[in-house]
Amino acid sequence: MKLALLWRWLGWSHANRCDLHFLVYTRDACPLCDEAWELLVRWQKTHGFALRAQNVDDSAELMREHGESVPVVAVNGKVCFRGHVNEVLLRRILDAKPAK
């Protein structure tokens, strides 16, 4: 909380990235999926991107596509992360200028 106030006071703010849509392909009882979700929720609070989850066990097609390789994180339909969310790359995605 104090850090957020300091950022606002200094004039630093994060761009609202409502142009980004994150889809996390998950499975039940997947610790890596839980870790990725928690990380993305934390970043969503400051950047305002859309975030939703899809359980691959709900669809035979998704099971064939992703199988045991979860979590898989797609941003605007493009797979950006598999198995682990790289926080440095995530920051680069969020800091990039929105496409026109």
Protein backbone atom coordinates (compact mmCIF):
# COMPACT_ATOMS: atom_id res chain seq x y z
CA MET A 1 0.00 0.00 0.00
CA LYS A 2 2.73 2.47 0.93
CA LEU A 3 4.66 1.61 -2.22
CA ALA A 4 1.60 2.34 -4.37
CA LEU A 5 1.21 5.73 -2.71
CA LEU A 6 4.88 6.49 -3.29
CA TRP A 7 4.56 5.55 -6.96
CA ARG A 8 1.55 7.85 -7.40
CA TRP A 9 3.29 10.66 -5.52
CA LEU A 10 6.34 10.36 -7.77
CA GLY A 11 4.10 10.37 -10.82
CA TRP A 12 4.87 6.79 -11.78
CA SER A 13 1.91 4.72 -12.77
CA HIS A 14 1.24 1.56 -14.67
CA ALA A 15 -0.67 1.70 -17.89
CA ASN A 16 -4.07 0.08 -17.78
CA ARG A 17 -3.67 -2.82 -20.21
CA CYS A 18 -7.30 -3.58 -20.95
CA ASP A 19 -6.10 -4.46 -24.49
CA LEU A 20 -4.45 -7.62 -23.11
CA HIS A 21 -6.40 -10.82 -22.53
CA PHE A 22 -4.65 -13.57 -20.58
CA LEU A 23 -6.00 -17.13 -20.73
CA VAL A 24 -4.46 -19.68 -18.37
CA TYR A 25 -4.90 -23.33 -19.29
CA THR A 26 -4.84 -25.31 -16.03
CA ARG A 27 -5.60 -28.67 -14.46
CA ASP A 28 -6.96 -29.57 -11.04
CA ALA A 29 -4.41 -30.08 -8.27
CA CYS A 30 -1.61 -28.42 -10.22
CA PRO A 31 0.79 -26.47 -7.97
CA LEU A 32 2.47 -24.75 -10.93
CA CYS A 33 -0.96 -23.66 -12.18
CA ASP A 34 -1.78 -22.19 -8.77
CA GLU A 35 1.57 -20.38 -8.68
CA ALA A 36 1.06 -18.93 -12.18
CA TRP A 37 -2.50 -17.86 -11.36
CA GLU A 38 -1.46 -16.09 -8.14
CA LEU A 39 1.34 -14.26 -9.95
CA LEU A 40 -0.98 -13.12 -12.75
CA VAL A 41 -3.68 -11.98 -10.31
CA ARG A 42 -1.07 -9.88 -8.50
CA TRP A 43 -0.02 -8.19 -11.77
CA GLN A 44 -3.63 -7.82 -12.91
CA LYS A 45 -4.35 -5.61 -9.90
CA THR A 46 -1.85 -3.00 -11.10
CA HIS A 47 -2.24 -3.37 -14.88
CA GLY A 48 -5.95 -4.12 -15.35
CA PHE A 49 -5.70 -6.81 -18.02
CA ALA A 50 -8.40 -9.43 -18.57
CA LEU A 51 -7.66 -12.78 -16.95
CA ARG A 52 -9.49 -16.08 -17.10
CA ALA A 53 -8.75 -19.75 -16.59
CA GLN A 54 -9.69 -22.81 -18.63
CA ASN A 55 -9.38 -26.32 -17.21
CA VAL A 56 -7.95 -28.58 -19.93
CA ASP A 57 -9.66 -31.60 -18.36
CA ASP A 58 -13.01 -30.15 -19.48
CA SER A 59 -12.25 -30.69 -23.16
CA ALA A 60 -10.77 -33.64 -25.07
CA GLU A 61 -9.39 -31.18 -27.63
CA LEU A 62 -7.59 -29.13 -24.97
CA MET A 63 -6.25 -32.34 -23.40
CA ARG A 64 -4.78 -33.36 -26.78
CA GLU A 65 -3.35 -29.88 -27.31
CA HIS A 66 -1.84 -29.29 -23.84
CA GLY A 67 -1.92 -32.63 -22.02
CA GLU A 68 0.31 -32.54 -18.96
CA SER A 69 2.11 -29.37 -20.09
CA VAL A 70 0.30 -26.94 -17.85
CA PRO A 71 0.08 -24.17 -16.99
CA VAL A 72 -0.02 -22.66 -20.44
CA VAL A 73 -0.59 -18.91 -20.61
CA ALA A 74 -1.83 -17.31 -23.81
CA VAL A 75 -1.87 -13.55 -24.25
CA ASN A 76 -4.31 -12.34 -26.90
CA GLY A 77 -4.40 -15.87 -28.30
CA LYS A 78 -0.62 -16.37 -28.51
CA VAL A 79 1.03 -18.84 -26.14
CA CYS A 80 3.68 -16.96 -24.16
CA PHE A 81 4.40 -19.25 -21.22
CA ARG A 82 4.45 -23.01 -20.65
CA GLY A 83 5.01 -24.58 -17.25
CA HIS A 84 6.26 -21.41 -15.60
CA VAL A 85 5.51 -17.70 -15.95
CA ASN A 86 8.75 -15.78 -16.44
CA GLU A 87 8.19 -12.57 -14.51
CA VAL A 88 10.77 -10.61 -16.54
CA LEU A 89 9.03 -11.50 -19.81
CA LEU A 90 5.65 -10.79 -18.23
CA ARG A 91 6.85 -7.30 -17.27
CA ARG A 92 8.05 -6.72 -20.85
CA ILE A 93 4.65 -7.74 -22.22
CA LEU A 94 2.87 -5.42 -19.82
CA ASP A 95 5.25 -2.50 -20.41
CA ALA A 96 5.13 -2.77 -24.23
CA LYS A 97 3.17 -0.13 -26.05
CA PRO A 98 -0.32 -1.30 -27.06
CA ALA A 99 -0.72 -2.26 -30.70
CA LYS A 100 -2.82 0.16 -32.71
